[in-house]
Amino acid sequence: MAYKISDECIACGACAAECPVGAISEGDGKYVIDPDTCVDCGACAGTCPVSAPQAE
């Protein structure tokens, strides 16, 4: 099950830099995770300062 970024996202980009498969990109006001690319590793959740990436 892929991670999803909540509305708590502050668009800092820390999660995108940490993603080992490049599943995270800048969206409209917040970052988004491509569920087809996400490998559910949790690296994004561990680096986010506001805990925006969450497992679905």
PDB file of N, CA and C in Angstrom:
ATOM      1  N   MET A   1       0.835  -1.175   0.000  1.00  0.00           N
ATOM      2  CA  MET A   1       0.000   0.000   0.000  1.00  0.00           C
ATOM      3  C   MET A   1       0.887   1.248   0.000  1.00  0.00           C
ATOM      4  N   ALA A   2       0.657   2.152  -0.887  1.00  0.00           N
ATOM      5  CA  ALA A   2       1.482   3.342  -1.047  1.00  0.00           C
ATOM      6  C   ALA A   2       1.229   4.374   0.051  1.00  0.00           C
ATOM      7  N   TYR A   3       2.208   5.234   0.224  1.00  0.00           N
ATOM      8  CA  TYR A   3       2.048   6.369   1.128  1.00  0.00           C
ATOM      9  C   TYR A   3       1.312   7.477   0.392  1.00  0.00           C
ATOM     10  N   LYS A   4       0.695   8.366   1.169  1.00  0.00           N
ATOM     11  CA  LYS A   4      -0.001   9.517   0.614  1.00  0.00           C
ATOM     12  C   LYS A   4       0.387  10.724   1.466  1.00  0.00           C
ATOM     13  N   ILE A   5       0.533  11.886   0.843  1.00  0.00           N
ATOM     14  CA  ILE A   5       0.901  13.093   1.571  1.00  0.00           C
ATOM     15  C   ILE A   5      -0.362  13.865   1.925  1.00  0.00           C
ATOM     16  N   SER A   6      -0.515  14.144   3.211  1.00  0.00           N
ATOM     17  CA  SER A   6      -1.707  14.836   3.707  1.00  0.00           C
ATOM     18  C   SER A   6      -1.619  16.341   3.444  1.00  0.00           C
ATOM     19  N   ASP A   7      -2.692  17.033   3.765  1.00  0.00           N
ATOM     20  CA  ASP A   7      -2.749  18.484   3.588  1.00  0.00           C
ATOM     21  C   ASP A   7      -1.841  19.221   4.572  1.00  0.00           C
ATOM     22  N   GLU A   8      -1.237  18.504   5.510  1.00  0.00           N
ATOM     23  CA  GLU A   8      -0.298  19.109   6.455  1.00  0.00           C
ATOM     24  C   GLU A   8       1.017  19.488   5.773  1.00  0.00           C
ATOM     25  N   CYS A   9       1.224  19.025   4.554  1.00  0.00           N
ATOM     26  CA  CYS A   9       2.459  19.272   3.796  1.00  0.00           C
ATOM     27  C   CYS A   9       2.777  20.767   3.712  1.00  0.00           C
ATOM     28  N   ILE A  10       4.044  21.113   4.011  1.00  0.00           N
ATOM     29  CA  ILE A  10       4.485  22.508   3.926  1.00  0.00           C
ATOM     30  C   ILE A  10       5.363  22.740   2.690  1.00  0.00           C
ATOM     31  N   ALA A  11       5.403  21.765   1.800  1.00  0.00           N
ATOM     32  CA  ALA A  11       6.131  21.846   0.522  1.00  0.00           C
ATOM     33  C   ALA A  11       7.611  22.162   0.695  1.00  0.00           C
ATOM     34  N   CYS A  12       8.244  21.538   1.686  1.00  0.00           N
ATOM     35  CA  CYS A  12       9.667  21.795   1.929  1.00  0.00           C
ATOM     36  C   CYS A  12      10.565  20.960   1.018  1.00  0.00           C
ATOM     37  N   GLY A  13      10.044  19.841   0.505  1.00  0.00           N
ATOM     38  CA  GLY A  13      10.808  19.001  -0.413  1.00  0.00           C
ATOM     39  C   GLY A  13      11.693  17.963   0.244  1.00  0.00           C
ATOM     40  N   ALA A  14      11.704  17.899   1.563  1.00  0.00           N
ATOM     41  CA  ALA A  14      12.550  16.924   2.259  1.00  0.00           C
ATOM     42  C   ALA A  14      12.196  15.495   1.862  1.00  0.00           C
ATOM     43  N   CYS A  15      10.937  15.200   1.696  1.00  0.00           N
ATOM     44  CA  CYS A  15      10.499  13.852   1.349  1.00  0.00           C
ATOM     45  C   CYS A  15      10.965  13.446  -0.047  1.00  0.00           C
ATOM     46  N   ALA A  16      10.872  14.378  -0.992  1.00  0.00           N
ATOM     47  CA  ALA A  16      11.263  14.085  -2.369  1.00  0.00           C
ATOM     48  C   ALA A  16      12.747  13.757  -2.448  1.00  0.00           C
ATOM     49  N   ALA A  17      13.556  14.472  -1.690  1.00  0.00           N
ATOM     50  CA  ALA A  17      14.998  14.235  -1.689  1.00  0.00           C
ATOM     51  C   ALA A  17      15.341  12.882  -1.084  1.00  0.00           C
ATOM     52  N   GLU A  18      14.504  12.381  -0.191  1.00  0.00           N
ATOM     53  CA  GLU A  18      14.762  11.125   0.514  1.00  0.00           C
ATOM     54  C   GLU A  18      14.230   9.900  -0.218  1.00  0.00           C
ATOM     55  N   CYS A  19      13.281  10.074  -1.132  1.00  0.00           N
ATOM     56  CA  CYS A  19      12.641   8.937  -1.808  1.00  0.00           C
ATOM     57  C   CYS A  19      13.633   8.191  -2.707  1.00  0.00           C
ATOM     58  N   PRO A  20      13.856   6.896  -2.436  1.00  0.00           N
ATOM     59  CA  PRO A  20      14.838   6.139  -3.209  1.00  0.00           C
ATOM     60  C   PRO A  20      14.392   5.778  -4.631  1.00  0.00           C
ATOM     61  N   VAL A  21      13.096   5.884  -4.911  1.00  0.00           N
ATOM     62  CA  VAL A  21      12.596   5.506  -6.234  1.00  0.00           C
ATOM     63  C   VAL A  21      12.022   6.690  -7.026  1.00  0.00           C
ATOM     64  N   GLY A  22      12.137   7.891  -6.490  1.00  0.00           N
ATOM     65  CA  GLY A  22      11.654   9.073  -7.198  1.00  0.00           C
ATOM     66  C   GLY A  22      10.156   9.146  -7.365  1.00  0.00           C
ATOM     67  N   ALA A  23       9.421   8.642  -6.387  1.00  0.00           N
ATOM     68  CA  ALA A  23       7.965   8.608  -6.484  1.00  0.00           C
ATOM     69  C   ALA A  23       7.306   9.921  -6.077  1.00  0.00           C
ATOM     70  N   ILE A  24       8.079  10.852  -5.526  1.00  0.00           N
ATOM     71  CA  ILE A  24       7.504  12.087  -4.991  1.00  0.00           C
ATOM     72  C   ILE A  24       7.875  13.265  -5.880  1.00  0.00           C
ATOM     73  N   SER A  25       6.854  14.068  -6.199  1.00  0.00           N
ATOM     74  CA  SER A  25       7.086  15.261  -7.012  1.00  0.00           C
ATOM     75  C   SER A  25       6.281  16.425  -6.455  1.00  0.00           C
ATOM     76  N   GLU A  26       6.673  17.625  -6.868  1.00  0.00           N
ATOM     77  CA  GLU A  26       5.985  18.823  -6.402  1.00  0.00           C
ATOM     78  C   GLU A  26       4.646  18.935  -7.105  1.00  0.00           C
ATOM     79  N   GLY A  27       3.605  19.091  -6.306  1.00  0.00           N
ATOM     80  CA  GLY A  27       2.261  19.250  -6.854  1.00  0.00           C
ATOM     81  C   GLY A  27       1.790  20.676  -6.683  1.00  0.00           C
ATOM     82  N   ASP A  28       0.521  20.874  -6.663  1.00  0.00           N
ATOM     83  CA  ASP A  28      -0.078  22.198  -6.531  1.00  0.00           C
ATOM     84  C   ASP A  28      -0.226  22.553  -5.053  1.00  0.00           C
ATOM     85  N   GLY A  29       0.784  23.190  -4.500  1.00  0.00           N
ATOM     86  CA  GLY A  29       0.745  23.598  -3.101  1.00  0.00           C
ATOM     87  C   GLY A  29       1.276  22.583  -2.117  1.00  0.00           C
ATOM     88  N   LYS A  30       1.459  21.354  -2.550  1.00  0.00           N
ATOM     89  CA  LYS A  30       2.042  20.321  -1.706  1.00  0.00           C
ATOM     90  C   LYS A  30       2.671  19.260  -2.595  1.00  0.00           C
ATOM     91  N   TYR A  31       3.466  18.412  -2.005  1.00  0.00           N
ATOM     92  CA  TYR A  31       4.093  17.328  -2.769  1.00  0.00           C
ATOM     93  C   TYR A  31       3.119  16.162  -2.881  1.00  0.00           C
ATOM     94  N   VAL A  32       3.298  15.363  -3.918  1.00  0.00           N
ATOM     95  CA  VAL A  32       2.424  14.209  -4.154  1.00  0.00           C
ATOM     96  C   VAL A  32       3.274  12.963  -4.396  1.00  0.00           C
ATOM     97  N   ILE A  33       2.713  11.823  -4.060  1.00  0.00           N
ATOM     98  CA  ILE A  33       3.383  10.542  -4.243  1.00  0.00           C
ATOM     99  C   ILE A  33       2.662   9.744  -5.318  1.00  0.00           C
ATOM    100  N   ASP A  34       3.408   9.267  -6.300  1.00  0.00           N
ATOM    101  CA  ASP A  34       2.849   8.413  -7.345  1.00  0.00           C
ATOM    102  C   ASP A  34       2.674   7.015  -6.752  1.00  0.00           C
ATOM    103  N   PRO A  35       1.434   6.564  -6.564  1.00  0.00           N
ATOM    104  CA  PRO A  35       1.206   5.267  -5.921  1.00  0.00           C
ATOM    105  C   PRO A  35       1.731   4.079  -6.718  1.00  0.00           C
ATOM    106  N   ASP A  36       1.877   4.246  -8.024  1.00  0.00           N
ATOM    107  CA  ASP A  36       2.391   3.155  -8.854  1.00  0.00           C
ATOM    108  C   ASP A  36       3.904   3.004  -8.736  1.00  0.00           C
ATOM    109  N   THR A  37       4.579   4.066  -8.300  1.00  0.00           N
ATOM    110  CA  THR A  37       6.034   4.036  -8.160  1.00  0.00           C
ATOM    111  C   THR A  37       6.457   3.774  -6.717  1.00  0.00           C
ATOM    112  N   CYS A  38       5.661   4.216  -5.761  1.00  0.00           N
ATOM    113  CA  CYS A  38       5.971   4.081  -4.332  1.00  0.00           C
ATOM    114  C   CYS A  38       6.172   2.612  -3.952  1.00  0.00           C
ATOM    115  N   VAL A  39       7.271   2.344  -3.220  1.00  0.00           N
ATOM    116  CA  VAL A  39       7.573   0.978  -2.774  1.00  0.00           C
ATOM    117  C   VAL A  39       7.274   0.786  -1.285  1.00  0.00           C
ATOM    118  N   ASP A  40       6.573   1.748  -0.684  1.00  0.00           N
ATOM    119  CA  ASP A  40       6.107   1.649   0.702  1.00  0.00           C
ATOM    120  C   ASP A  40       7.259   1.473   1.698  1.00  0.00           C
ATOM    121  N   CYS A  41       8.372   2.171   1.450  1.00  0.00           N
ATOM    122  CA  CYS A  41       9.542   2.017   2.321  1.00  0.00           C
ATOM    123  C   CYS A  41       9.469   2.888   3.570  1.00  0.00           C
ATOM    124  N   GLY A  42       8.725   3.994   3.519  1.00  0.00           N
ATOM    125  CA  GLY A  42       8.579   4.867   4.673  1.00  0.00           C
ATOM    126  C   GLY A  42       9.679   5.901   4.852  1.00  0.00           C
ATOM    127  N   ALA A  43      10.616   5.972   3.927  1.00  0.00           N
ATOM    128  CA  ALA A  43      11.707   6.945   4.043  1.00  0.00           C
ATOM    129  C   ALA A  43      11.172   8.373   4.096  1.00  0.00           C
ATOM    130  N   CYS A  44      10.143   8.651   3.339  1.00  0.00           N
ATOM    131  CA  CYS A  44       9.560   9.994   3.307  1.00  0.00           C
ATOM    132  C   CYS A  44       8.962  10.370   4.661  1.00  0.00           C
ATOM    133  N   ALA A  45       8.281   9.424   5.275  1.00  0.00           N
ATOM    134  CA  ALA A  45       7.651   9.687   6.567  1.00  0.00           C
ATOM    135  C   ALA A  45       8.693   9.971   7.641  1.00  0.00           C
ATOM    136  N   GLY A  46       9.835   9.323   7.545  1.00  0.00           N
ATOM    137  CA  GLY A  46      10.875   9.499   8.540  1.00  0.00           C
ATOM    138  C   GLY A  46      11.593  10.825   8.448  1.00  0.00           C
ATOM    139  N   THR A  47      11.516  11.480   7.311  1.00  0.00           N
ATOM    140  CA  THR A  47      12.240  12.741   7.131  1.00  0.00           C
ATOM    141  C   THR A  47      11.351  13.978   7.173  1.00  0.00           C
ATOM    142  N   CYS A  48      10.057  13.805   7.076  1.00  0.00           N
ATOM    143  CA  CYS A  48       9.133  14.947   7.028  1.00  0.00           C
ATOM    144  C   CYS A  48       9.018  15.632   8.395  1.00  0.00           C
ATOM    145  N   PRO A  49       9.205  16.972   8.433  1.00  0.00           N
ATOM    146  CA  PRO A  49       9.126  17.685   9.720  1.00  0.00           C
ATOM    147  C   PRO A  49       7.701  17.834  10.267  1.00  0.00           C
ATOM    148  N   VAL A  50       6.682  17.597   9.422  1.00  0.00           N
ATOM    149  CA  VAL A  50       5.297  17.736   9.883  1.00  0.00           C
ATOM    150  C   VAL A  50       4.499  16.438   9.770  1.00  0.00           C
ATOM    151  N   SER A  51       5.175  15.334   9.519  1.00  0.00           N
ATOM    152  CA  SER A  51       4.544  14.013   9.402  1.00  0.00           C
ATOM    153  C   SER A  51       3.425  13.958   8.365  1.00  0.00           C
ATOM    154  N   ALA A  52       3.637  14.635   7.233  1.00  0.00           N
ATOM    155  CA  ALA A  52       2.604  14.653   6.184  1.00  0.00           C
ATOM    156  C   ALA A  52       2.490  13.321   5.431  1.00  0.00           C
ATOM    157  N   PRO A  53       3.604  12.645   5.086  1.00  0.00           N
ATOM    158  CA  PRO A  53       3.445  11.355   4.410  1.00  0.00           C
ATOM    159  C   PRO A  53       2.919  10.296   5.380  1.00  0.00           C
ATOM    160  N   GLN A  54       1.840   9.653   4.996  1.00  0.00           N
ATOM    161  CA  GLN A  54       1.227   8.649   5.845  1.00  0.00           C
ATOM    162  C   GLN A  54       0.859   7.416   5.019  1.00  0.00           C
ATOM    163  N   ALA A  55       0.977   6.245   5.631  1.00  0.00           N
ATOM    164  CA  ALA A  55       0.585   5.013   4.958  1.00  0.00           C
ATOM    165  C   ALA A  55      -0.937   5.012   4.803  1.00  0.00           C
ATOM    166  N   GLU A  56      -1.375   4.603   3.628  1.00  0.00           N
ATOM    167  CA  GLU A  56      -2.831   4.529   3.398  1.00  0.00           C
ATOM    168  C   GLU A  56      -3.399   3.280   4.000  1.00  0.00           C
TER     169      GLU A  56
END
